[in-house]
PDB file of N, CA and C in Angstrom:
ATOM      1  N   MET A   1       0.856  -0.961  -0.013  1.00  0.00           N
ATOM      2  CA  MET A   1       0.117   0.014  -0.049  1.00  0.00           C
ATOM      3  C   MET A   1       0.742   1.310   0.089  1.00  0.00           C
ATOM      4  N   GLY A   2       0.628   2.207  -0.732  1.00  0.00           N
ATOM      5  CA  GLY A   2       1.393   3.356  -0.750  1.00  0.00           C
ATOM      6  C   GLY A   2       1.409   4.306   0.158  1.00  0.00           C
ATOM      7  N   ARG A   3       2.198   5.396   0.610  1.00  0.00           N
ATOM      8  CA  ARG A   3       2.360   6.365   1.433  1.00  0.00           C
ATOM      9  C   ARG A   3       1.129   7.380   1.386  1.00  0.00           C
ATOM     10  N   ARG A   4       0.500   7.569   2.350  1.00  0.00           N
ATOM     11  CA  ARG A   4      -0.399   8.889   2.558  1.00  0.00           C
ATOM     12  C   ARG A   4       0.221  10.026   2.349  1.00  0.00           C
ATOM     13  N   LEU A   5      -0.351  10.755   1.582  1.00  0.00           N
ATOM     14  CA  LEU A   5       0.019  12.054   0.920  1.00  0.00           C
ATOM     15  C   LEU A   5      -0.198  12.906   2.101  1.00  0.00           C
ATOM     16  N   GLN A   6       0.819  13.820   2.546  1.00  0.00           N
ATOM     17  CA  GLN A   6       0.580  14.793   3.825  1.00  0.00           C
ATOM     18  C   GLN A   6       0.159  15.982   3.166  1.00  0.00           C
ATOM     19  N   VAL A   7      -1.057  16.464   3.359  1.00  0.00           N
ATOM     20  CA  VAL A   7      -1.324  17.946   3.083  1.00  0.00           C
ATOM     21  C   VAL A   7      -2.208  18.492   4.038  1.00  0.00           C
ATOM     22  N   ASP A   8      -2.383  19.668   3.961  1.00  0.00           N
ATOM     23  CA  ASP A   8      -3.122  20.549   4.829  1.00  0.00           C
ATOM     24  C   ASP A   8      -4.453  20.283   4.865  1.00  0.00           C
ATOM     25  N   GLU A   9      -5.403  19.359   5.493  1.00  0.00           N
ATOM     26  CA  GLU A   9      -6.501  19.006   5.132  1.00  0.00           C
ATOM     27  C   GLU A   9      -7.489  19.811   4.954  1.00  0.00           C
ATOM     28  N   GLU A  10      -7.333  20.810   6.251  1.00  0.00           N
ATOM     29  CA  GLU A  10      -8.347  21.696   6.536  1.00  0.00           C
ATOM     30  C   GLU A  10      -8.451  22.922   5.633  1.00  0.00           C
ATOM     31  N   LYS A  11      -7.337  23.386   5.383  1.00  0.00           N
ATOM     32  CA  LYS A  11      -6.852  24.226   4.131  1.00  0.00           C
ATOM     33  C   LYS A  11      -7.475  23.785   2.564  1.00  0.00           C
ATOM     34  N   LEU A  12      -7.537  22.511   2.523  1.00  0.00           N
ATOM     35  CA  LEU A  12      -7.727  21.899   1.329  1.00  0.00           C
ATOM     36  C   LEU A  12      -9.286  21.943   1.198  1.00  0.00           C
ATOM     37  N   GLN A  13      -9.834  21.608   2.279  1.00  0.00           N
ATOM     38  CA  GLN A  13     -11.115  21.687   2.215  1.00  0.00           C
ATOM     39  C   GLN A  13     -11.788  22.923   2.319  1.00  0.00           C
ATOM     40  N   ARG A  14     -11.198  23.930   3.127  1.00  0.00           N
ATOM     41  CA  ARG A  14     -11.722  25.288   3.223  1.00  0.00           C
ATOM     42  C   ARG A  14     -11.524  25.848   1.645  1.00  0.00           C
ATOM     43  N   LEU A  15     -10.577  25.656   1.146  1.00  0.00           N
ATOM     44  CA  LEU A  15     -10.331  26.068  -0.554  1.00  0.00           C
ATOM     45  C   LEU A  15     -11.421  25.625  -1.410  1.00  0.00           C
ATOM     46  N   TRP A  16     -11.505  24.145  -1.446  1.00  0.00           N
ATOM     47  CA  TRP A  16     -12.347  23.426  -1.968  1.00  0.00           C
ATOM     48  C   TRP A  16     -13.864  24.270  -1.991  1.00  0.00           C
ATOM     49  N   ARG A  17     -14.232  24.350  -0.531  1.00  0.00           N
ATOM     50  CA  ARG A  17     -15.765  24.989  -0.629  1.00  0.00           C
ATOM     51  C   ARG A  17     -15.548  26.287  -0.945  1.00  0.00           C
ATOM     52  N   SER A  18     -14.600  27.095  -0.972  1.00  0.00           N
ATOM     53  CA  SER A  18     -14.639  28.397  -1.059  1.00  0.00           C
ATOM     54  C   SER A  18     -14.948  28.674  -2.698  1.00  0.00           C
ATOM     55  N   GLY A  19     -14.684  27.462  -3.657  1.00  0.00           N
ATOM     56  CA  GLY A  19     -15.100  27.459  -5.162  1.00  0.00           C
ATOM     57  C   GLY A  19     -13.882  27.658  -5.822  1.00  0.00           C
ATOM     58  N   ALA A  20     -12.643  28.066  -5.109  1.00  0.00           N
ATOM     59  CA  ALA A  20     -11.309  27.951  -5.663  1.00  0.00           C
ATOM     60  C   ALA A  20     -11.162  26.657  -6.814  1.00  0.00           C
ATOM     61  N   SER A  21     -10.502  27.054  -8.032  1.00  0.00           N
ATOM     62  CA  SER A  21     -10.163  25.986  -8.896  1.00  0.00           C
ATOM     63  C   SER A  21      -9.294  24.969  -8.584  1.00  0.00           C
ATOM     64  N   ALA A  22      -9.304  23.571  -8.939  1.00  0.00           N
ATOM     65  CA  ALA A  22      -8.373  22.893  -8.515  1.00  0.00           C
ATOM     66  C   ALA A  22      -6.963  23.167  -8.833  1.00  0.00           C
ATOM     67  N   VAL A  23      -6.921  23.653  -9.878  1.00  0.00           N
ATOM     68  CA  VAL A  23      -5.262  24.082 -10.279  1.00  0.00           C
ATOM     69  C   VAL A  23      -4.833  25.115  -9.020  1.00  0.00           C
ATOM     70  N   SER A  24      -5.700  25.927  -8.924  1.00  0.00           N
ATOM     71  CA  SER A  24      -5.299  27.151  -7.888  1.00  0.00           C
ATOM     72  C   SER A  24      -4.758  26.346  -6.358  1.00  0.00           C
ATOM     73  N   ILE A  25      -5.832  25.373  -5.938  1.00  0.00           N
ATOM     74  CA  ILE A  25      -5.650  24.965  -4.746  1.00  0.00           C
ATOM     75  C   ILE A  25      -4.590  23.838  -4.869  1.00  0.00           C
ATOM     76  N   SER A  26      -4.192  23.080  -5.861  1.00  0.00           N
ATOM     77  CA  SER A  26      -3.234  22.438  -6.065  1.00  0.00           C
ATOM     78  C   SER A  26      -1.713  23.180  -5.917  1.00  0.00           C
ATOM     79  N   VAL A  27      -1.618  24.402  -6.619  1.00  0.00           N
ATOM     80  CA  VAL A  27      -0.345  25.276  -6.594  1.00  0.00           C
ATOM     81  C   VAL A  27      -0.241  25.737  -4.971  1.00  0.00           C
ATOM     82  N   GLU A  28      -1.330  26.359  -4.626  1.00  0.00           N
ATOM     83  CA  GLU A  28      -1.596  26.675  -3.152  1.00  0.00           C
ATOM     84  C   GLU A  28      -0.930  25.381  -2.022  1.00  0.00           C
ATOM     85  N   LEU A  29      -1.389  24.456  -2.257  1.00  0.00           N
ATOM     86  CA  LEU A  29      -0.990  23.119  -1.284  1.00  0.00           C
ATOM     87  C   LEU A  29       0.541  22.606  -2.067  1.00  0.00           C
ATOM     88  N   GLY A  30       0.903  23.095  -3.121  1.00  0.00           N
ATOM     89  CA  GLY A  30       2.235  22.355  -3.566  1.00  0.00           C
ATOM     90  C   GLY A  30       2.204  20.915  -3.966  1.00  0.00           C
ATOM     91  N   ILE A  31       1.143  20.561  -4.814  1.00  0.00           N
ATOM     92  CA  ILE A  31       0.542  19.250  -5.116  1.00  0.00           C
ATOM     93  C   ILE A  31       0.241  19.227  -6.361  1.00  0.00           C
ATOM     94  N   THR A  32       0.048  18.347  -6.960  1.00  0.00           N
ATOM     95  CA  THR A  32      -0.235  18.020  -8.362  1.00  0.00           C
ATOM     96  C   THR A  32      -1.754  17.681  -8.256  1.00  0.00           C
ATOM     97  N   VAL A  33      -2.612  17.948  -9.317  1.00  0.00           N
ATOM     98  CA  VAL A  33      -3.988  18.208  -9.500  1.00  0.00           C
ATOM     99  C   VAL A  33      -4.539  16.815  -9.364  1.00  0.00           C
ATOM    100  N   ASP A  34      -3.702  15.793  -9.661  1.00  0.00           N
ATOM    101  CA  ASP A  34      -3.754  14.412  -9.665  1.00  0.00           C
ATOM    102  C   ASP A  34      -3.937  13.962  -8.288  1.00  0.00           C
ATOM    103  N   SER A  35      -2.807  14.465  -7.233  1.00  0.00           N
ATOM    104  CA  SER A  35      -2.795  13.981  -5.964  1.00  0.00           C
ATOM    105  C   SER A  35      -4.121  14.744  -4.955  1.00  0.00           C
ATOM    106  N   LEU A  36      -4.304  16.012  -5.530  1.00  0.00           N
ATOM    107  CA  LEU A  36      -5.458  17.085  -5.093  1.00  0.00           C
ATOM    108  C   LEU A  36      -6.594  16.091  -5.088  1.00  0.00           C
ATOM    109  N   ASN A  37      -7.029  15.422  -6.364  1.00  0.00           N
ATOM    110  CA  ASN A  37      -8.061  14.595  -6.512  1.00  0.00           C
ATOM    111  C   ASN A  37      -8.188  13.391  -5.607  1.00  0.00           C
ATOM    112  N   ARG A  38      -7.226  12.707  -5.579  1.00  0.00           N
ATOM    113  CA  ARG A  38      -6.987  11.564  -4.477  1.00  0.00           C
ATOM    114  C   ARG A  38      -7.632  12.165  -3.063  1.00  0.00           C
ATOM    115  N   VAL A  39      -6.717  13.063  -2.673  1.00  0.00           N
ATOM    116  CA  VAL A  39      -7.057  13.636  -1.520  1.00  0.00           C
ATOM    117  C   VAL A  39      -8.646  14.115  -1.255  1.00  0.00           C
ATOM    118  N   ARG A  40      -9.091  14.707  -2.110  1.00  0.00           N
ATOM    119  CA  ARG A  40     -10.448  15.092  -1.983  1.00  0.00           C
ATOM    120  C   ARG A  40     -11.488  14.099  -2.126  1.00  0.00           C
ATOM    121  N   ILE A  41     -11.051  12.780  -2.738  1.00  0.00           N
ATOM    122  CA  ILE A  41     -12.006  11.842  -2.678  1.00  0.00           C
ATOM    123  C   ILE A  41     -11.783  11.208  -1.461  1.00  0.00           C
ATOM    124  N   ARG A  42     -10.548  10.899  -0.716  1.00  0.00           N
ATOM    125  CA  ARG A  42     -10.387  10.391   0.548  1.00  0.00           C
ATOM    126  C   ARG A  42     -11.200  10.843   1.766  1.00  0.00           C
ATOM    127  N   LEU A  43     -11.170  12.578   1.349  1.00  0.00           N
ATOM    128  CA  LEU A  43     -11.777  13.626   2.525  1.00  0.00           C
ATOM    129  C   LEU A  43     -13.445  13.571   2.226  1.00  0.00           C
ATOM    130  N   GLY A  44     -14.042  12.917   0.977  1.00  0.00           N
ATOM    131  CA  GLY A  44     -15.126  12.924   0.522  1.00  0.00           C
ATOM    132  C   GLY A  44     -16.143  14.117   0.095  1.00  0.00           C
ATOM    133  N   LEU A  45     -15.040  15.038  -0.464  1.00  0.00           N
ATOM    134  CA  LEU A  45     -15.324  16.329  -0.898  1.00  0.00           C
ATOM    135  C   LEU A  45     -16.242  15.836  -2.059  1.00  0.00           C
ATOM    136  N   PRO A  46     -17.164  16.716  -2.843  1.00  0.00           N
ATOM    137  CA  PRO A  46     -17.691  16.710  -4.004  1.00  0.00           C
ATOM    138  C   PRO A  46     -17.141  16.724  -5.193  1.00  0.00           C
ATOM    139  N   ALA A  47     -17.176  15.994  -6.248  1.00  0.00           N
ATOM    140  CA  ALA A  47     -16.596  16.474  -7.388  1.00  0.00           C
ATOM    141  C   ALA A  47     -16.835  17.698  -8.082  1.00  0.00           C
ATOM    142  N   ARG A  48     -16.256  18.411  -8.626  1.00  0.00           N
ATOM    143  CA  ARG A  48     -16.395  19.786  -9.571  1.00  0.00           C
ATOM    144  C   ARG A  48     -17.534  19.339 -10.428  1.00  0.00           C
ATOM    145  N   THR A  49     -18.727  20.078 -10.682  1.00  0.00           N
ATOM    146  CA  THR A  49     -19.550  19.569 -11.681  1.00  0.00           C
ATOM    147  C   THR A  49     -19.686  20.974 -12.294  1.00  0.00           C
ATOM    148  N   PRO A  50     -20.284  21.274 -13.621  1.00  0.00           N
ATOM    149  CA  PRO A  50     -20.566  22.598 -14.201  1.00  0.00           C
ATOM    150  C   PRO A  50     -21.405  23.367 -13.321  1.00  0.00           C
ATOM    151  N   GLN A  51     -21.919  22.952 -12.227  1.00  0.00           N
ATOM    152  CA  GLN A  51     -22.737  23.887 -11.238  1.00  0.00           C
ATOM    153  C   GLN A  51     -21.745  24.706  -9.936  1.00  0.00           C
ATOM    154  N   ASN A  52     -20.752  24.013 -10.029  1.00  0.00           N
ATOM    155  CA  ASN A  52     -19.879  24.172  -8.716  1.00  0.00           C
ATOM    156  C   ASN A  52     -18.559  24.332  -9.213  1.00  0.00           C
ATOM    157  N   ARG A  53     -18.240  24.431 -10.699  1.00  0.00           N
ATOM    158  CA  ARG A  53     -16.979  25.132 -10.872  1.00  0.00           C
ATOM    159  C   ARG A  53     -16.204  26.064 -10.357  1.00  0.00           C
ATOM    160  N   ALA A  54     -15.217  26.199 -10.699  1.00  0.00           N
ATOM    161  CA  ALA A  54     -14.615  27.640 -10.009  1.00  0.00           C
ATOM    162  C   ALA A  54     -15.065  28.843 -11.086  1.00  0.00           C
ATOM    163  N   LYS A  55     -15.277  29.676 -10.648  1.00  0.00           N
ATOM    164  CA  LYS A  55     -15.771  30.942 -11.441  1.00  0.00           C
ATOM    165  C   LYS A  55     -14.434  31.417 -12.180  1.00  0.00           C
ATOM    166  N   PRO A  56     -14.450  32.226 -13.207  1.00  0.00           N
ATOM    167  CA  PRO A  56     -13.261  32.800 -13.696  1.00  0.00           C
ATOM    168  C   PRO A  56     -12.860  33.948 -12.878  1.00  0.00           C
ATOM    169  N   GLY A  57     -11.840  34.006 -12.530  1.00  0.00           N
ATOM    170  CA  GLY A  57     -11.144  35.477 -11.659  1.00  0.00           C
ATOM    171  C   GLY A  57     -11.060  36.261 -12.492  1.00  0.00           C
ATOM    172  N   ALA A  58     -10.392  37.212 -11.905  1.00  0.00           N
ATOM    173  CA  ALA A  58     -10.284  38.588 -12.605  1.00  0.00           C
ATOM    174  C   ALA A  58      -9.139  38.533 -14.032  1.00  0.00           C
ATOM    175  N   LYS A  59      -9.466  39.517 -14.562  1.00  0.00           N
ATOM    176  CA  LYS A  59      -8.493  39.196 -16.061  1.00  0.00           C
ATOM    177  C   LYS A  59      -7.099  39.997 -15.583  1.00  0.00           C
ATOM    178  N   TYR A  60      -6.225  39.097 -16.068  1.00  0.00           N
ATOM    179  CA  TYR A  60      -4.945  39.495 -15.816  1.00  0.00           C
ATOM    180  C   TYR A  60      -4.326  40.615 -16.414  1.00  0.00           C
ATOM    181  N   ARG A  61      -3.734  41.601 -15.757  1.00  0.00           N
ATOM    182  CA  ARG A  61      -3.165  42.481 -16.615  1.00  0.00           C
ATOM    183  C   ARG A  61      -1.720  42.858 -16.176  1.00  0.00           C
ATOM    184  N   ASP A  62      -1.002  43.295 -17.039  1.00  0.00           N
ATOM    185  CA  ASP A  62       0.411  43.228 -16.952  1.00  0.00           C
ATOM    186  C   ASP A  62       0.789  44.328 -16.227  1.00  0.00           C
ATOM    187  N   PRO A  63       2.020  44.428 -15.426  1.00  0.00           N
ATOM    188  CA  PRO A  63       1.754  45.753 -14.762  1.00  0.00           C
ATOM    189  C   PRO A  63       2.787  46.492 -15.697  1.00  0.00           C
ATOM    190  N   THR A  64       2.397  47.959 -14.961  1.00  0.00           N
ATOM    191  CA  THR A  64       2.979  48.952 -15.921  1.00  0.00           C
ATOM    192  C   THR A  64       4.596  49.120 -15.621  1.00  0.00           C
ATOM    193  N   SER A  65       5.173  50.167 -16.303  1.00  0.00           N
ATOM    194  CA  SER A  65       6.408  50.143 -16.185  1.00  0.00           C
ATOM    195  C   SER A  65       6.767  50.652 -14.438  1.00  0.00           C
ATOM    196  N   SER A  66       5.731  51.609 -14.426  1.00  0.00           N
ATOM    197  CA  SER A  66       6.515  52.185 -12.890  1.00  0.00           C
ATOM    198  C   SER A  66       6.079  51.030 -11.961  1.00  0.00           C
ATOM    199  N   GLU A  67       4.908  50.446 -11.919  1.00  0.00           N
ATOM    200  CA  GLU A  67       4.908  48.989 -11.140  1.00  0.00           C
ATOM    201  C   GLU A  67       5.951  48.025 -10.970  1.00  0.00           C
ATOM    202  N   ILE A  68       6.675  47.952 -12.114  1.00  0.00           N
ATOM    203  CA  ILE A  68       7.566  46.953 -12.056  1.00  0.00           C
ATOM    204  C   ILE A  68       8.922  47.622 -11.672  1.00  0.00           C
ATOM    205  N   GLN A  69       9.287  48.932 -11.383  1.00  0.00           N
ATOM    206  CA  GLN A  69      10.045  49.739 -10.854  1.00  0.00           C
ATOM    207  C   GLN A  69      10.189  49.587  -9.687  1.00  0.00           C
ATOM    208  N   GLU A  70       8.902  49.873  -9.003  1.00  0.00           N
ATOM    209  CA  GLU A  70       8.414  50.018  -7.755  1.00  0.00           C
ATOM    210  C   GLU A  70       8.752  48.792  -6.797  1.00  0.00           C
ATOM    211  N   ARG A  71       8.233  47.501  -7.556  1.00  0.00           N
ATOM    212  CA  ARG A  71       8.290  45.926  -7.033  1.00  0.00           C
ATOM    213  C   ARG A  71       9.777  45.950  -6.999  1.00  0.00           C
ATOM    214  N   ALA A  72      10.689  46.052  -8.087  1.00  0.00           N
ATOM    215  CA  ALA A  72      11.595  45.799  -7.993  1.00  0.00           C
ATOM    216  C   ALA A  72      12.676  46.651  -6.909  1.00  0.00           C
ATOM    217  N   ALA A  73      12.272  47.797  -6.741  1.00  0.00           N
ATOM    218  CA  ALA A  73      13.114  48.706  -5.715  1.00  0.00           C
ATOM    219  C   ALA A  73      12.540  48.089  -4.372  1.00  0.00           C
ATOM    220  N   ALA A  74      11.250  47.416  -4.086  1.00  0.00           N
ATOM    221  CA  ALA A  74      11.147  46.979  -2.772  1.00  0.00           C
ATOM    222  C   ALA A  74      12.022  45.849  -2.489  1.00  0.00           C
ATOM    223  N   ILE A  75      11.829  44.839  -3.706  1.00  0.00           N
ATOM    224  CA  ILE A  75      12.723  43.625  -3.570  1.00  0.00           C
ATOM    225  C   ILE A  75      14.206  44.120  -3.242  1.00  0.00           C
ATOM    226  N   ARG A  76      14.803  44.717  -3.881  1.00  0.00           N
ATOM    227  CA  ARG A  76      16.190  45.223  -3.739  1.00  0.00           C
ATOM    228  C   ARG A  76      16.346  45.897  -2.271  1.00  0.00           C
ATOM    229  N   LEU A  77      15.455  46.699  -1.782  1.00  0.00           N
ATOM    230  CA  LEU A  77      15.814  46.941  -0.591  1.00  0.00           C
ATOM    231  C   LEU A  77      15.980  45.684   0.686  1.00  0.00           C
ATOM    232  N   SER A  78      15.784  44.343   0.346  1.00  0.00           N
ATOM    233  CA  SER A  78      15.779  43.349   1.324  1.00  0.00           C
ATOM    234  C   SER A  78      17.173  42.657   0.876  1.00  0.00           C
ATOM    235  N   TRP A  79      17.800  43.243  -0.098  1.00  0.00           N
ATOM    236  CA  TRP A  79      19.062  42.532  -0.332  1.00  0.00           C
ATOM    237  C   TRP A  79      20.307  42.915   0.824  1.00  0.00           C
ATOM    238  N   ASP A  80      21.134  41.998   1.146  1.00  0.00           N
ATOM    239  CA  ASP A  80      22.244  42.593   1.767  1.00  0.00           C
ATOM    240  C   ASP A  80      23.242  42.721   0.823  1.00  0.00           C
ATOM    241  N   ASP A  81      24.369  43.594   1.152  1.00  0.00           N
ATOM    242  CA  ASP A  81      25.706  43.810  -0.009  1.00  0.00           C
ATOM    243  C   ASP A  81      25.828  42.418  -0.631  1.00  0.00           C
ATOM    244  N   GLU A  82      26.190  41.146  -0.054  1.00  0.00           N
ATOM    245  CA  GLU A  82      26.777  40.273  -0.846  1.00  0.00           C
ATOM    246  C   GLU A  82      25.556  39.990  -2.012  1.00  0.00           C
ATOM    247  N   THR A  83      24.271  39.722  -1.466  1.00  0.00           N
ATOM    248  CA  THR A  83      23.202  39.204  -2.529  1.00  0.00           C
ATOM    249  C   THR A  83      23.185  40.318  -3.656  1.00  0.00           C
ATOM    250  N   GLU A  84      23.504  41.467  -3.402  1.00  0.00           N
ATOM    251  CA  GLU A  84      23.221  42.744  -4.550  1.00  0.00           C
ATOM    252  C   GLU A  84      24.397  42.341  -5.406  1.00  0.00           C
ATOM    253  N   LYS A  85      25.685  42.139  -4.922  1.00  0.00           N
ATOM    254  CA  LYS A  85      26.837  42.035  -5.611  1.00  0.00           C
ATOM    255  C   LYS A  85      26.794  40.421  -6.770  1.00  0.00           C
ATOM    256  N   LYS A  86      25.982  39.758  -6.029  1.00  0.00           N
ATOM    257  CA  LYS A  86      25.606  38.339  -6.803  1.00  0.00           C
ATOM    258  C   LYS A  86      24.734  38.676  -7.891  1.00  0.00           C
ATOM    259  N   ARG A  87      23.636  39.749  -7.778  1.00  0.00           N
ATOM    260  CA  ARG A  87      22.479  39.476  -8.554  1.00  0.00           C
ATOM    261  C   ARG A  87      23.057  40.734  -9.842  1.00  0.00           C
ATOM    262  N   ARG A  88      23.999  41.570  -9.856  1.00  0.00           N
ATOM    263  CA  ARG A  88      24.321  42.695 -10.356  1.00  0.00           C
ATOM    264  C   ARG A  88      24.600  41.973 -11.850  1.00  0.00           C
ATOM    265  N   VAL A  89      24.047  42.186 -12.945  1.00  0.00           N
ATOM    266  CA  VAL A  89      24.918  41.870 -14.156  1.00  0.00           C
ATOM    267  C   VAL A  89      26.203  42.483 -14.602  1.00  0.00           C
ATOM    268  N   ASN A  90      26.365  43.716 -14.568  1.00  0.00           N
ATOM    269  CA  ASN A  90      27.478  43.882 -14.648  1.00  0.00           C
ATOM    270  C   ASN A  90      28.302  44.246 -13.578  1.00  0.00           C
ATOM    271  N   LYS A  91      28.870  43.775 -13.027  1.00  0.00           N
ATOM    272  CA  LYS A  91      29.647  43.926 -11.747  1.00  0.00           C
ATOM    273  C   LYS A  91      30.635  45.017 -11.834  1.00  0.00           C
ATOM    274  N   GLN A  92      30.552  45.760 -10.419  1.00  0.00           N
ATOM    275  CA  GLN A  92      31.353  47.085 -10.660  1.00  0.00           C
ATOM    276  C   GLN A  92      32.853  46.759 -10.649  1.00  0.00           C
ATOM    277  N   GLY A  93      33.355  47.319 -11.349  1.00  0.00           N
ATOM    278  CA  GLY A  93      34.704  47.359 -11.707  1.00  0.00           C
ATOM    279  C   GLY A  93      35.409  46.520 -13.058  1.00  0.00           C
ATOM    280  N   GLN A  94      34.258  45.637 -13.318  1.00  0.00           N
ATOM    281  CA  GLN A  94      34.493  44.912 -14.531  1.00  0.00           C
ATOM    282  C   GLN A  94      34.002  45.461 -16.038  1.00  0.00           C
ATOM    283  N   GLU A  95      34.937  45.018 -16.647  1.00  0.00           N
ATOM    284  CA  GLU A  95      34.561  45.467 -18.306  1.00  0.00           C
ATOM    285  C   GLU A  95      33.195  44.618 -18.705  1.00  0.00           C
ATOM    286  N   PRO A  96      32.434  45.352 -19.201  1.00  0.00           N
ATOM    287  CA  PRO A  96      31.272  44.776 -19.823  1.00  0.00           C
ATOM    288  C   PRO A  96      31.958  43.597 -20.943  1.00  0.00           C
ATOM    289  N   TYR A  97      30.940  42.334 -20.860  1.00  0.00           N
ATOM    290  CA  TYR A  97      31.619  41.323 -21.558  1.00  0.00           C
ATOM    291  C   TYR A  97      31.404  41.792 -23.170  1.00  0.00           C
ATOM    292  N   GLU A  98      31.953  41.311 -24.062  1.00  0.00           N
ATOM    293  CA  GLU A  98      31.953  41.616 -25.529  1.00  0.00           C
ATOM    294  C   GLU A  98      31.967  40.375 -26.154  1.00  0.00           C
ATOM    295  N   PHE A  99      30.934  40.353 -26.871  1.00  0.00           N
ATOM    296  CA  PHE A  99      31.037  38.943 -27.909  1.00  0.00           C
ATOM    297  C   PHE A  99      31.793  38.954 -28.664  1.00  0.00           C
ATOM    298  N   PRO A 100      32.381  37.761 -29.042  1.00  0.00           N
ATOM    299  CA  PRO A 100      33.434  37.336 -30.155  1.00  0.00           C
ATOM    300  C   PRO A 100      32.752  37.803 -31.455  1.00  0.00           C
ATOM    301  N   THR A 101      33.653  38.464 -32.586  1.00  0.00           N
ATOM    302  CA  THR A 101      32.703  38.542 -34.009  1.00  0.00           C
ATOM    303  C   THR A 101      33.788  38.242 -34.885  1.00  0.00           C
ATOM    304  N   MET A 102      33.143  37.814 -36.070  1.00  0.00           N
ATOM    305  CA  MET A 102      34.213  37.397 -37.216  1.00  0.00           C
ATOM    306  C   MET A 102      33.690  37.857 -38.350  1.00  0.00           C
ATOM    307  N   ARG A 103      34.625  38.115 -39.479  1.00  0.00           N
ATOM    308  CA  ARG A 103      34.068  38.775 -40.333  1.00  0.00           C
ATOM    309  C   ARG A 103      33.503  37.709 -41.350  1.00  0.00           C
ATOM    310  N   GLU A 104      32.516  38.143 -42.360  1.00  0.00           N
ATOM    311  CA  GLU A 104      31.917  36.760 -43.151  1.00  0.00           C
ATOM    312  C   GLU A 104      32.782  36.541 -43.978  1.00  0.00           C
ATOM    313  N   ARG A 105      33.963  37.479 -44.470  1.00  0.00           N
ATOM    314  CA  ARG A 105      35.036  36.807 -45.348  1.00  0.00           C
ATOM    315  C   ARG A 105      35.682  35.479 -44.754  1.00  0.00           C
ATOM    316  N   ASP A 106      36.063  35.747 -43.324  1.00  0.00           N
ATOM    317  CA  ASP A 106      37.004  35.004 -42.711  1.00  0.00           C
ATOM    318  C   ASP A 106      36.245  33.458 -42.695  1.00  0.00           C
ATOM    319  N   ILE A 107      34.986  33.499 -42.348  1.00  0.00           N
ATOM    320  CA  ILE A 107      34.190  32.390 -42.355  1.00  0.00           C
ATOM    321  C   ILE A 107      34.078  31.610 -43.928  1.00  0.00           C
ATOM    322  N   SER A 108      33.776  32.381 -44.810  1.00  0.00           N
ATOM    323  CA  SER A 108      34.072  31.929 -45.939  1.00  0.00           C
ATOM    324  C   SER A 108      35.364  31.251 -46.598  1.00  0.00           C
ATOM    325  N   ASP A 109      36.436  32.252 -46.336  1.00  0.00           N
ATOM    326  CA  ASP A 109      37.918  31.542 -46.644  1.00  0.00           C
ATOM    327  C   ASP A 109      37.969  30.354 -45.532  1.00  0.00           C
ATOM    328  N   ALA A 110      37.358  30.305 -44.253  1.00  0.00           N
ATOM    329  CA  ALA A 110      37.964  28.919 -43.555  1.00  0.00           C
ATOM    330  C   ALA A 110      37.303  27.869 -44.356  1.00  0.00           C
ATOM    331  N   ILE A 111      35.640  27.986 -44.943  1.00  0.00           N
ATOM    332  CA  ILE A 111      35.113  27.118 -45.464  1.00  0.00           C
ATOM    333  C   ILE A 111      35.675  26.490 -46.886  1.00  0.00           C
ATOM    334  N   ASP A 112      36.295  27.530 -47.484  1.00  0.00           N
ATOM    335  CA  ASP A 112      36.962  27.426 -48.849  1.00  0.00           C
ATOM    336  C   ASP A 112      38.318  26.728 -48.550  1.00  0.00           C
ATOM    337  N   GLY A 113      38.714  26.697 -47.179  1.00  0.00           N
ATOM    338  CA  GLY A 113      40.109  26.367 -47.129  1.00  0.00           C
ATOM    339  C   GLY A 113      41.219  27.078 -47.394  1.00  0.00           C
ATOM    340  N   ASN A 114      40.684  28.549 -47.827  1.00  0.00           N
ATOM    341  CA  ASN A 114      41.937  29.678 -48.030  1.00  0.00           C
ATOM    342  C   ASN A 114      42.105  30.507 -46.777  1.00  0.00           C
ATOM    343  N   TYR A 115      42.749  29.834 -45.822  1.00  0.00           N
ATOM    344  CA  TYR A 115      43.043  30.504 -44.412  1.00  0.00           C
ATOM    345  C   TYR A 115      44.459  30.313 -44.064  1.00  0.00           C
TER     346      TYR A 115
END
């Protein structure tokens, strides 16, 4: 017999009865939808029907540039010096990386054996 999946059953029941979608509940609990359904059956919760399916949530809206800047600034405030240094793309004191380039003639000469 398999192991019993450990989940917060009270939270699962509360979310299921609230009408949340199976996908959102599984994400919230950190389990797959298949595992969620096995636990739901074990707990005796009713299956979703067209009448009790989750209702569509609010439409997603991409954040504006200013919202992104605000959120990024809030995240950076939590960084210590070491974290900031690790996350910077262009490390202070380092020259920016320059991608190597080749001329088209060099490539065609190499292909033709004229190098």
